[in-house]
Every structure is written in structure tokens, then in C-alpha cells.
Amino acid sequence: SKGEWAGQLIRLEEIQRRILMTVFGWMRADGTRRF
């Protein structure tokens, strides 16, 4: 929404993608999120 990229779709950096994968990808035995 700001700066030179305003209006462009967000492109995640690799570190951001890895953080999201870790937080949302790890599951407990019952299928809910681990973290």
C-alpha cells in the first residue's frame, strides 16, 4: 500500500515463506496447528 511497490501483489522473501511454513505447516496428531 506504500512506496514504489504500492498496488503490486506482495512477493514474500524466502525467510518470510519459511517462517509461515513452519508456523502454519507443523501439525499435532489431531490435525490442529502445533504452534
Full PDB file with SEQRES, HELIX, SHEET, SSBOND, CRYST1, ORIGX, SCALE, CONECT and MASTER records, all heavy atoms in Angstrom:
SEQRES   1 A   35  SER LYS GLY GLU TRP ALA GLY GLN LEU ILE ARG LEU GLU          
SEQRES   2 A   35  GLU ILE GLN ARG ARG ILE LEU MET THR VAL PHE GLY TRP          
SEQRES   3 A   35  MET ARG ALA ASP GLY THR ARG ARG PHE                          
HELIX    1 AA1 GLY A    3  TRP A    5  5                                   3    
HELIX    2 AA2 GLU A   14  GLY A   25  1                                  12    
CRYST1    1.000    1.000    1.000  90.00  90.00  90.00 P 1           1          
ORIGX1      1.000000  0.000000  0.000000        0.00000                         
ORIGX2      0.000000  1.000000  0.000000        0.00000                         
ORIGX3      0.000000  0.000000  1.000000        0.00000                         
SCALE1      1.000000  0.000000  0.000000        0.00000                         
SCALE2      0.000000  1.000000  0.000000        0.00000                         
SCALE3      0.000000  0.000000  1.000000        0.00000                         
ATOM      1  N   SER A   1       0.806  -1.220   0.000  1.00  0.00           N  
ATOM      2  CA  SER A   1       0.000   0.000   0.000  1.00  0.00           C  
ATOM      3  C   SER A   1       0.840   1.272   0.000  1.00  0.00           C  
ATOM      4  O   SER A   1       0.301   2.354  -0.159  1.00  0.00           O  
ATOM      5  CB  SER A   1      -0.940   0.012   1.213  1.00  0.00           C  
ATOM      6  OG  SER A   1      -0.182  -0.027   2.411  1.00  0.00           O  
ATOM      7  N   LYS A   2       2.165   1.150   0.158  1.00  0.00           N  
ATOM      8  CA  LYS A   2       3.008   2.338   0.237  1.00  0.00           C  
ATOM      9  C   LYS A   2       4.270   2.165  -0.600  1.00  0.00           C  
ATOM     10  O   LYS A   2       4.691   1.044  -0.884  1.00  0.00           O  
ATOM     11  CB  LYS A   2       3.421   2.617   1.691  1.00  0.00           C  
ATOM     12  CG  LYS A   2       2.262   2.945   2.595  1.00  0.00           C  
ATOM     13  CD  LYS A   2       2.747   3.199   4.000  1.00  0.00           C  
ATOM     14  CE  LYS A   2       1.573   3.519   4.911  1.00  0.00           C  
ATOM     15  NZ  LYS A   2       1.988   3.715   6.283  1.00  0.00           N  
ATOM     16  N   GLY A   3       4.873   3.288  -0.928  1.00  0.00           N  
ATOM     17  CA  GLY A   3       6.169   3.272  -1.602  1.00  0.00           C  
ATOM     18  C   GLY A   3       6.089   2.845  -3.050  1.00  0.00           C  
ATOM     19  O   GLY A   3       5.016   2.804  -3.660  1.00  0.00           O  
ATOM     20  N   GLU A   4       7.241   2.499  -3.594  1.00  0.00           N  
ATOM     21  CA  GLU A   4       7.329   2.203  -5.028  1.00  0.00           C  
ATOM     22  C   GLU A   4       6.549   0.955  -5.442  1.00  0.00           C  
ATOM     23  O   GLU A   4       6.236   0.783  -6.611  1.00  0.00           O  
ATOM     24  CB  GLU A   4       8.787   2.079  -5.457  1.00  0.00           C  
ATOM     25  CG  GLU A   4       9.529   0.916  -4.831  1.00  0.00           C  
ATOM     26  CD  GLU A   4      10.979   0.856  -5.266  1.00  0.00           C  
ATOM     27  OE1 GLU A   4      11.242   0.486  -6.429  1.00  0.00           O  
ATOM     28  OE2 GLU A   4      11.844   1.201  -4.439  1.00  0.00           O  
ATOM     29  N   TRP A   5       6.249   0.068  -4.490  1.00  0.00           N  
ATOM     30  CA  TRP A   5       5.518  -1.155  -4.829  1.00  0.00           C  
ATOM     31  C   TRP A   5       4.012  -1.047  -4.564  1.00  0.00           C  
ATOM     32  O   TRP A   5       3.295  -2.036  -4.690  1.00  0.00           O  
ATOM     33  CB  TRP A   5       6.079  -2.348  -4.066  1.00  0.00           C  
ATOM     34  CG  TRP A   5       7.507  -2.619  -4.412  1.00  0.00           C  
ATOM     35  CD1 TRP A   5       8.001  -3.012  -5.626  1.00  0.00           C  
ATOM     36  CD2 TRP A   5       8.619  -2.496  -3.549  1.00  0.00           C  
ATOM     37  NE1 TRP A   5       9.359  -3.140  -5.568  1.00  0.00           N  
ATOM     38  CE2 TRP A   5       9.777  -2.830  -4.292  1.00  0.00           C  
ATOM     39  CE3 TRP A   5       8.774  -2.137  -2.221  1.00  0.00           C  
ATOM     40  CZ2 TRP A   5      11.052  -2.816  -3.754  1.00  0.00           C  
ATOM     41  CZ3 TRP A   5      10.049  -2.121  -1.678  1.00  0.00           C  
ATOM     42  CH2 TRP A   5      11.165  -2.453  -2.442  1.00  0.00           C  
ATOM     43  N   ALA A   6       3.552   0.122  -4.207  1.00  0.00           N  
ATOM     44  CA  ALA A   6       2.118   0.303  -3.906  1.00  0.00           C  
ATOM     45  C   ALA A   6       1.266  -0.242  -5.044  1.00  0.00           C  
ATOM     46  O   ALA A   6       1.511   0.040  -6.213  1.00  0.00           O  
ATOM     47  CB  ALA A   6       1.819   1.770  -3.662  1.00  0.00           C  
ATOM     48  N   GLY A   7       0.294  -1.056  -4.670  1.00  0.00           N  
ATOM     49  CA  GLY A   7      -0.626  -1.636  -5.643  1.00  0.00           C  
ATOM     50  C   GLY A   7      -0.180  -2.977  -6.186  1.00  0.00           C  
ATOM     51  O   GLY A   7      -0.985  -3.711  -6.758  1.00  0.00           O  
ATOM     52  N   GLN A   8       1.084  -3.326  -6.020  1.00  0.00           N  
ATOM     53  CA  GLN A   8       1.589  -4.602  -6.526  1.00  0.00           C  
ATOM     54  C   GLN A   8       1.353  -5.708  -5.506  1.00  0.00           C  
ATOM     55  O   GLN A   8       1.408  -5.483  -4.296  1.00  0.00           O  
ATOM     56  CB  GLN A   8       3.085  -4.502  -6.826  1.00  0.00           C  
ATOM     57  CG  GLN A   8       3.410  -3.554  -7.957  1.00  0.00           C  
ATOM     58  CD  GLN A   8       4.903  -3.508  -8.229  1.00  0.00           C  
ATOM     59  OE1 GLN A   8       5.620  -4.478  -7.996  1.00  0.00           O  
ATOM     60  NE2 GLN A   8       5.378  -2.372  -8.713  1.00  0.00           N  
ATOM     61  N   LEU A   9       1.113  -6.907  -6.010  1.00  0.00           N  
ATOM     62  CA  LEU A   9       0.968  -8.061  -5.121  1.00  0.00           C  
ATOM     63  C   LEU A   9       2.251  -8.270  -4.328  1.00  0.00           C  
ATOM     64  O   LEU A   9       3.357  -8.059  -4.840  1.00  0.00           O  
ATOM     65  CB  LEU A   9       0.647  -9.322  -5.919  1.00  0.00           C  
ATOM     66  CG  LEU A   9      -0.771  -9.421  -6.473  1.00  0.00           C  
ATOM     67  CD1 LEU A   9      -0.879 -10.584  -7.446  1.00  0.00           C  
ATOM     68  CD2 LEU A   9      -1.779  -9.572  -5.353  1.00  0.00           C  
ATOM     69  N   ILE A  10       2.099  -8.688  -3.102  1.00  0.00           N  
ATOM     70  CA  ILE A  10       3.245  -8.960  -2.232  1.00  0.00           C  
ATOM     71  C   ILE A  10       3.956 -10.216  -2.726  1.00  0.00           C  
ATOM     72  O   ILE A  10       3.315 -11.211  -3.069  1.00  0.00           O  
ATOM     73  CB  ILE A  10       2.775  -9.149  -0.776  1.00  0.00           C  
ATOM     74  CG1 ILE A  10       2.259  -7.811  -0.235  1.00  0.00           C  
ATOM     75  CG2 ILE A  10       3.876  -9.721   0.097  1.00  0.00           C  
ATOM     76  CD1 ILE A  10       1.580  -7.914   1.104  1.00  0.00           C  
ATOM     77  N   ARG A  11       5.259 -10.160  -2.761  1.00  0.00           N  
ATOM     78  CA  ARG A  11       6.096 -11.327  -3.049  1.00  0.00           C  
ATOM     79  C   ARG A  11       6.939 -11.559  -1.805  1.00  0.00           C  
ATOM     80  O   ARG A  11       7.770 -10.731  -1.446  1.00  0.00           O  
ATOM     81  CB  ARG A  11       7.008 -11.096  -4.264  1.00  0.00           C  
ATOM     82  CG  ARG A  11       6.269 -11.037  -5.559  1.00  0.00           C  
ATOM     83  CD  ARG A  11       5.742 -12.432  -5.947  1.00  0.00           C  
ATOM     84  NE  ARG A  11       4.759 -12.320  -7.012  1.00  0.00           N  
ATOM     85  CZ  ARG A  11       3.494 -12.686  -6.901  1.00  0.00           C  
ATOM     86  NH1 ARG A  11       3.046 -13.179  -5.764  1.00  0.00           N  
ATOM     87  NH2 ARG A  11       2.663 -12.579  -7.897  1.00  0.00           N  
ATOM     88  N   LEU A  12       6.686 -12.664  -1.145  1.00  0.00           N  
ATOM     89  CA  LEU A  12       7.385 -12.971   0.102  1.00  0.00           C  
ATOM     90  C   LEU A  12       8.848 -13.309  -0.156  1.00  0.00           C  
ATOM     91  O   LEU A  12       9.178 -13.975  -1.137  1.00  0.00           O  
ATOM     92  CB  LEU A  12       6.710 -14.142   0.807  1.00  0.00           C  
ATOM     93  CG  LEU A  12       5.269 -13.910   1.258  1.00  0.00           C  
ATOM     94  CD1 LEU A  12       4.636 -15.231   1.676  1.00  0.00           C  
ATOM     95  CD2 LEU A  12       5.198 -12.901   2.387  1.00  0.00           C  
ATOM     96  N   GLU A  13       9.705 -12.861   0.749  1.00  0.00           N  
ATOM     97  CA  GLU A  13      11.107 -13.274   0.727  1.00  0.00           C  
ATOM     98  C   GLU A  13      11.172 -14.708   1.245  1.00  0.00           C  
ATOM     99  O   GLU A  13      10.268 -15.182   1.940  1.00  0.00           O  
ATOM    100  CB  GLU A  13      11.942 -12.351   1.622  1.00  0.00           C  
ATOM    101  CG  GLU A  13      11.973 -10.907   1.166  1.00  0.00           C  
ATOM    102  CD  GLU A  13      12.745 -10.722  -0.128  1.00  0.00           C  
ATOM    103  OE1 GLU A  13      13.664 -11.535  -0.411  1.00  0.00           O  
ATOM    104  OE2 GLU A  13      12.428  -9.764  -0.859  1.00  0.00           O  
ATOM    105  N   GLU A  14      12.258 -15.381   0.957  1.00  0.00           N  
ATOM    106  CA  GLU A  14      12.402 -16.776   1.371  1.00  0.00           C  
ATOM    107  C   GLU A  14      12.280 -16.935   2.888  1.00  0.00           C  
ATOM    108  O   GLU A  14      11.643 -17.871   3.368  1.00  0.00           O  
ATOM    109  CB  GLU A  14      13.739 -17.337   0.883  1.00  0.00           C  
ATOM    110  CG  GLU A  14      13.917 -18.818   1.158  1.00  0.00           C  
ATOM    111  CD  GLU A  14      12.872 -19.710   0.489  1.00  0.00           C  
ATOM    112  OE1 GLU A  14      12.313 -19.325  -0.555  1.00  0.00           O  
ATOM    113  OE2 GLU A  14      12.608 -20.798   1.039  1.00  0.00           O  
ATOM    114  N   ILE A  15      12.846 -16.011   3.660  1.00  0.00           N  
ATOM    115  CA  ILE A  15      12.759 -16.108   5.121  1.00  0.00           C  
ATOM    116  C   ILE A  15      11.310 -15.979   5.593  1.00  0.00           C  
ATOM    117  O   ILE A  15      10.872 -16.693   6.491  1.00  0.00           O  
ATOM    118  CB  ILE A  15      13.679 -15.072   5.832  1.00  0.00           C  
ATOM    119  CG1 ILE A  15      13.683 -15.297   7.354  1.00  0.00           C  
ATOM    120  CG2 ILE A  15      13.248 -13.648   5.522  1.00  0.00           C  
ATOM    121  CD1 ILE A  15      14.298 -16.568   7.810  1.00  0.00           C  
ATOM    122  N   GLN A  16      10.540 -15.093   4.965  1.00  0.00           N  
ATOM    123  CA  GLN A  16       9.131 -14.941   5.327  1.00  0.00           C  
ATOM    124  C   GLN A  16       8.359 -16.214   5.004  1.00  0.00           C  
ATOM    125  O   GLN A  16       7.545 -16.685   5.802  1.00  0.00           O  
ATOM    126  CB  GLN A  16       8.524 -13.757   4.580  1.00  0.00           C  
ATOM    127  CG  GLN A  16       9.112 -12.425   4.966  1.00  0.00           C  
ATOM    128  CD  GLN A  16       8.720 -11.337   3.991  1.00  0.00           C  
ATOM    129  OE1 GLN A  16       8.797 -11.506   2.775  1.00  0.00           O  
ATOM    130  NE2 GLN A  16       8.289 -10.205   4.539  1.00  0.00           N  
ATOM    131  N   ARG A  17       8.628 -16.775   3.832  1.00  0.00           N  
ATOM    132  CA  ARG A  17       7.962 -18.019   3.424  1.00  0.00           C  
ATOM    133  C   ARG A  17       8.293 -19.149   4.404  1.00  0.00           C  
ATOM    134  O   ARG A  17       7.423 -19.903   4.815  1.00  0.00           O  
ATOM    135  CB  ARG A  17       8.404 -18.378   2.005  1.00  0.00           C  
ATOM    136  CG  ARG A  17       7.742 -19.605   1.439  1.00  0.00           C  
ATOM    137  CD  ARG A  17       8.161 -19.818  -0.001  1.00  0.00           C  
ATOM    138  NE  ARG A  17       7.696 -18.757  -0.868  1.00  0.00           N  
ATOM    139  CZ  ARG A  17       6.444 -18.623  -1.291  1.00  0.00           C  
ATOM    140  NH1 ARG A  17       5.540 -19.499  -0.911  1.00  0.00           N  
ATOM    141  NH2 ARG A  17       6.090 -17.640  -2.083  1.00  0.00           N  
ATOM    142  N   ARG A  18       9.551 -19.256   4.809  1.00  0.00           N  
ATOM    143  CA  ARG A  18       9.950 -20.324   5.733  1.00  0.00           C  
ATOM    144  C   ARG A  18       9.288 -20.151   7.101  1.00  0.00           C  
ATOM    145  O   ARG A  18       8.886 -21.124   7.727  1.00  0.00           O  
ATOM    146  CB  ARG A  18      11.468 -20.371   5.874  1.00  0.00           C  
ATOM    147  CG  ARG A  18      12.149 -20.946   4.663  1.00  0.00           C  
ATOM    148  CD  ARG A  18      13.655 -20.907   4.818  1.00  0.00           C  
ATOM    149  NE  ARG A  18      14.299 -21.368   3.616  1.00  0.00           N  
ATOM    150  CZ  ARG A  18      14.877 -22.555   3.486  1.00  0.00           C  
ATOM    151  NH1 ARG A  18      14.869 -23.397   4.503  1.00  0.00           N  
ATOM    152  NH2 ARG A  18      15.443 -22.903   2.367  1.00  0.00           N  
ATOM    153  N   ILE A  19       9.194 -18.909   7.551  1.00  0.00           N  
ATOM    154  CA  ILE A  19       8.518 -18.652   8.831  1.00  0.00           C  
ATOM    155  C   ILE A  19       7.061 -19.100   8.750  1.00  0.00           C  
ATOM    156  O   ILE A  19       6.555 -19.815   9.625  1.00  0.00           O  
ATOM    157  CB  ILE A  19       8.623 -17.166   9.223  1.00  0.00           C  
ATOM    158  CG1 ILE A  19      10.059 -16.822   9.617  1.00  0.00           C  
ATOM    159  CG2 ILE A  19       7.649 -16.836  10.351  1.00  0.00           C  
ATOM    160  CD1 ILE A  19      10.328 -15.325   9.747  1.00  0.00           C  
ATOM    161  N   LEU A  20       6.372 -18.696   7.689  1.00  0.00           N  
ATOM    162  CA  LEU A  20       4.959 -19.073   7.530  1.00  0.00           C  
ATOM    163  C   LEU A  20       4.798 -20.585   7.404  1.00  0.00           C  
ATOM    164  O   LEU A  20       3.871 -21.168   7.975  1.00  0.00           O  
ATOM    165  CB  LEU A  20       4.353 -18.369   6.316  1.00  0.00           C  
ATOM    166  CG  LEU A  20       4.223 -16.859   6.434  1.00  0.00           C  
ATOM    167  CD1 LEU A  20       3.774 -16.259   5.101  1.00  0.00           C  
ATOM    168  CD2 LEU A  20       3.278 -16.464   7.543  1.00  0.00           C  
ATOM    169  N   MET A  21       5.706 -21.225   6.662  1.00  0.00           N  
ATOM    170  CA  MET A  21       5.635 -22.678   6.503  1.00  0.00           C  
ATOM    171  C   MET A  21       5.791 -23.380   7.853  1.00  0.00           C  
ATOM    172  O   MET A  21       5.082 -24.334   8.153  1.00  0.00           O  
ATOM    173  CB  MET A  21       6.730 -23.165   5.538  1.00  0.00           C  
ATOM    174  CG  MET A  21       6.550 -22.711   4.109  1.00  0.00           C  
ATOM    175  SD  MET A  21       5.137 -23.458   3.301  1.00  0.00           S  
ATOM    176  CE  MET A  21       5.704 -25.118   3.102  1.00  0.00           C  
ATOM    177  N   THR A  22       6.720 -22.890   8.668  1.00  0.00           N  
ATOM    178  CA  THR A  22       6.957 -23.505   9.978  1.00  0.00           C  
ATOM    179  C   THR A  22       5.762 -23.298  10.905  1.00  0.00           C  
ATOM    180  O   THR A  22       5.268 -24.248  11.520  1.00  0.00           O  
ATOM    181  CB  THR A  22       8.234 -22.915  10.624  1.00  0.00           C  
ATOM    182  OG1 THR A  22       9.341 -23.191   9.769  1.00  0.00           O  
ATOM    183  CG2 THR A  22       8.470 -23.510  11.996  1.00  0.00           C  
ATOM    184  N   VAL A  23       5.290 -22.056  11.001  1.00  0.00           N  
ATOM    185  CA  VAL A  23       4.200 -21.738  11.931  1.00  0.00           C  
ATOM    186  C   VAL A  23       2.901 -22.430  11.534  1.00  0.00           C  
ATOM    187  O   VAL A  23       2.208 -23.001  12.376  1.00  0.00           O  
ATOM    188  CB  VAL A  23       4.001 -20.208  12.030  1.00  0.00           C  
ATOM    189  CG1 VAL A  23       2.759 -19.872  12.833  1.00  0.00           C  
ATOM    190  CG2 VAL A  23       5.225 -19.550  12.635  1.00  0.00           C  
ATOM    191  N   PHE A  24       2.569 -22.399  10.250  1.00  0.00           N  
ATOM    192  CA  PHE A  24       1.272 -22.925   9.810  1.00  0.00           C  
ATOM    193  C   PHE A  24       1.333 -24.368   9.311  1.00  0.00           C  
ATOM    194  O   PHE A  24       0.299 -25.007   9.159  1.00  0.00           O  
ATOM    195  CB  PHE A  24       0.677 -22.023   8.732  1.00  0.00           C  
ATOM    196  CG  PHE A  24       0.170 -20.721   9.252  1.00  0.00           C  
ATOM    197  CD1 PHE A  24       0.986 -19.601   9.302  1.00  0.00           C  
ATOM    198  CD2 PHE A  24      -1.135 -20.601   9.713  1.00  0.00           C  
ATOM    199  CE1 PHE A  24       0.517 -18.394   9.791  1.00  0.00           C  
ATOM    200  CE2 PHE A  24      -1.614 -19.407  10.210  1.00  0.00           C  
ATOM    201  CZ  PHE A  24      -0.782 -18.299  10.254  1.00  0.00           C  
ATOM    202  N   GLY A  25       2.527 -24.900   9.029  1.00  0.00           N  
ATOM    203  CA  GLY A  25       2.635 -26.242   8.462  1.00  0.00           C  
ATOM    204  C   GLY A  25       2.756 -27.374   9.465  1.00  0.00           C  
ATOM    205  O   GLY A  25       2.310 -28.486   9.209  1.00  0.00           O  
ATOM    206  N   TRP A  26       3.361 -27.107  10.625  1.00  0.00           N  
ATOM    207  CA  TRP A  26       3.510 -28.179  11.619  1.00  0.00           C  
ATOM    208  C   TRP A  26       2.194 -28.436  12.332  1.00  0.00           C  
ATOM    209  O   TRP A  26       1.548 -27.520  12.801  1.00  0.00           O  
ATOM    210  CB  TRP A  26       4.590 -27.832  12.642  1.00  0.00           C  
ATOM    211  CG  TRP A  26       5.951 -28.191  12.143  1.00  0.00           C  
ATOM    212  CD1 TRP A  26       6.891 -27.354  11.628  1.00  0.00           C  
ATOM    213  CD2 TRP A  26       6.497 -29.508  12.076  1.00  0.00           C  
ATOM    214  NE1 TRP A  26       7.994 -28.063  11.248  1.00  0.00           N  
ATOM    215  CE2 TRP A  26       7.785 -29.397  11.519  1.00  0.00           C  
ATOM    216  CE3 TRP A  26       6.029 -30.768  12.432  1.00  0.00           C  
ATOM    217  CZ2 TRP A  26       8.600 -30.498  11.311  1.00  0.00           C  
ATOM    218  CZ3 TRP A  26       6.843 -31.864  12.227  1.00  0.00           C  
ATOM    219  CH2 TRP A  26       8.115 -31.724  11.674  1.00  0.00           C  
ATOM    220  N   MET A  27       1.798 -29.702  12.372  1.00  0.00           N  
ATOM    221  CA  MET A  27       0.511 -30.105  12.935  1.00  0.00           C  
ATOM    222  C   MET A  27       0.675 -31.066  14.109  1.00  0.00           C  
ATOM    223  O   MET A  27       1.652 -31.797  14.202  1.00  0.00           O  
ATOM    224  CB  MET A  27      -0.336 -30.821  11.867  1.00  0.00           C  
ATOM    225  CG  MET A  27      -0.613 -29.994  10.640  1.00  0.00           C  
ATOM    226  SD  MET A  27      -1.750 -28.664  11.044  1.00  0.00           S  
ATOM    227  CE  MET A  27      -1.629 -27.671   9.588  1.00  0.00           C  
ATOM    228  N   ARG A  28      -0.331 -31.046  14.954  1.00  0.00           N  
ATOM    229  CA  ARG A  28      -0.430 -32.028  16.034  1.00  0.00           C  
ATOM    230  C   ARG A  28      -1.142 -33.265  15.489  1.00  0.00           C  
ATOM    231  O   ARG A  28      -1.718 -33.233  14.405  1.00  0.00           O  
ATOM    232  CB  ARG A  28      -1.227 -31.437  17.198  1.00  0.00           C  
ATOM    233  CG  ARG A  28      -0.554 -30.234  17.809  1.00  0.00           C  
ATOM    234  CD  ARG A  28      -1.405 -29.595  18.877  1.00  0.00           C  
ATOM    235  NE  ARG A  28      -0.760 -28.371  19.339  1.00  0.00           N  
ATOM    236  CZ  ARG A  28      -0.935 -27.840  20.516  1.00  0.00           C  
ATOM    237  NH1 ARG A  28      -1.770 -28.396  21.383  1.00  0.00           N  
ATOM    238  NH2 ARG A  28      -0.302 -26.741  20.859  1.00  0.00           N  
ATOM    239  N   ALA A  29      -1.153 -34.312  16.251  1.00  0.00           N  
ATOM    240  CA  ALA A  29      -1.783 -35.565  15.817  1.00  0.00           C  
ATOM    241  C   ALA A  29      -3.252 -35.359  15.457  1.00  0.00           C  
ATOM    242  O   ALA A  29      -3.785 -36.016  14.568  1.00  0.00           O  
ATOM    243  CB  ALA A  29      -1.640 -36.637  16.897  1.00  0.00           C  
ATOM    244  N   ASP A  30      -3.931 -34.401  16.118  1.00  0.00           N  
ATOM    245  CA  ASP A  30      -5.356 -34.173  15.850  1.00  0.00           C  
ATOM    246  C   ASP A  30      -5.610 -33.263  14.646  1.00  0.00           C  
ATOM    247  O   ASP A  30      -6.748 -32.934  14.343  1.00  0.00           O  
ATOM    248  CB  ASP A  30      -6.056 -33.609  17.092  1.00  0.00           C  
ATOM    249  CG  ASP A  30      -5.548 -32.226  17.490  1.00  0.00           C  
ATOM    250  OD1 ASP A  30      -4.673 -31.663  16.801  1.00  0.00           O  
ATOM    251  OD2 ASP A  30      -6.038 -31.699  18.513  1.00  0.00           O  
ATOM    252  N   GLY A  31      -4.542 -32.836  13.963  1.00  0.00           N  
ATOM    253  CA  GLY A  31      -4.701 -32.003  12.766  1.00  0.00           C  
ATOM    254  C   GLY A  31      -4.722 -30.510  13.036  1.00  0.00           C  
ATOM    255  O   GLY A  31      -4.839 -29.722  12.102  1.00  0.00           O  
ATOM    256  N   THR A  32      -4.629 -30.097  14.293  1.00  0.00           N  
ATOM    257  CA  THR A  32      -4.554 -28.667  14.590  1.00  0.00           C  
ATOM    258  C   THR A  32      -3.088 -28.230  14.573  1.00  0.00           C  
ATOM    259  O   THR A  32      -2.183 -29.057  14.650  1.00  0.00           O  
ATOM    260  CB  THR A  32      -5.181 -28.331  15.967  1.00  0.00           C  
ATOM    261  OG1 THR A  32      -4.461 -29.024  16.985  1.00  0.00           O  
ATOM    262  CG2 THR A  32      -6.657 -28.707  15.999  1.00  0.00           C  
ATOM    263  N   ARG A  33      -2.878 -26.923  14.477  1.00  0.00           N  
ATOM    264  CA  ARG A  33      -1.514 -26.409  14.402  1.00  0.00           C  
ATOM    265  C   ARG A  33      -0.712 -26.709  15.665  1.00  0.00           C  
ATOM    266  O   ARG A  33      -1.221 -26.576  16.780  1.00  0.00           O  
ATOM    267  CB  ARG A  33      -1.533 -24.895  14.167  1.00  0.00           C  
ATOM    268  CG  ARG A  33      -1.849 -24.538  12.736  1.00  0.00           C  
ATOM    269  CD  ARG A  33      -1.591 -23.074  12.462  1.00  0.00           C  
ATOM    270  NE  ARG A  33      -2.620 -22.202  12.973  1.00  0.00           N  
ATOM    271  CZ  ARG A  33      -3.711 -21.856  12.306  1.00  0.00           C  
ATOM    272  NH1 ARG A  33      -3.930 -22.325  11.104  1.00  0.00           N  
ATOM    273  NH2 ARG A  33      -4.572 -21.045  12.850  1.00  0.00           N  
ATOM    274  N   ARG A  34       0.540 -27.075  15.461  1.00  0.00           N  
ATOM    275  CA  ARG A  34       1.439 -27.326  16.591  1.00  0.00           C  
ATOM    276  C   ARG A  34       1.740 -26.027  17.328  1.00  0.00           C  
ATOM    277  O   ARG A  34       1.706 -25.983  18.550  1.00  0.00           O  
ATOM    278  CB  ARG A  34       2.740 -27.936  16.081  1.00  0.00           C  
ATOM    279  CG  ARG A  34       3.778 -28.078  17.165  1.00  0.00           C  
ATOM    280  CD  ARG A  34       5.108 -28.546  16.623  1.00  0.00           C  
ATOM    281  NE  ARG A  34       6.044 -28.766  17.724  1.00  0.00           N  
ATOM    282  CZ  ARG A  34       7.303 -29.087  17.554  1.00  0.00           C  
ATOM    283  NH1 ARG A  34       7.790 -29.238  16.334  1.00  0.00           N  
ATOM    284  NH2 ARG A  34       8.088 -29.269  18.588  1.00  0.00           N  
ATOM    285  N   PHE A  35       2.081 -24.990  16.586  1.00  0.00           N  
ATOM    286  CA  PHE A  35       2.496 -23.738  17.197  1.00  0.00           C  
ATOM    287  C   PHE A  35       1.314 -22.806  17.382  1.00  0.00           C  
ATOM    288  O   PHE A  35       0.619 -22.466  16.434  1.00  0.00           O  
ATOM    289  CB  PHE A  35       3.588 -23.062  16.361  1.00  0.00           C  
ATOM    290  CG  PHE A  35       4.824 -23.899  16.240  1.00  0.00           C  
ATOM    291  CD1 PHE A  35       5.194 -24.451  15.036  1.00  0.00           C  
ATOM    292  CD2 PHE A  35       5.615 -24.161  17.356  1.00  0.00           C  
ATOM    293  CE1 PHE A  35       6.326 -25.235  14.923  1.00  0.00           C  
ATOM    294  CE2 PHE A  35       6.753 -24.952  17.256  1.00  0.00           C  
ATOM    295  CZ  PHE A  35       7.109 -25.490  16.035  1.00  0.00           C  
TER     296      PHE A  35                                                      
MASTER        0    0    0    2    0    0    0    6  295    1    0    3          
END                                                                             
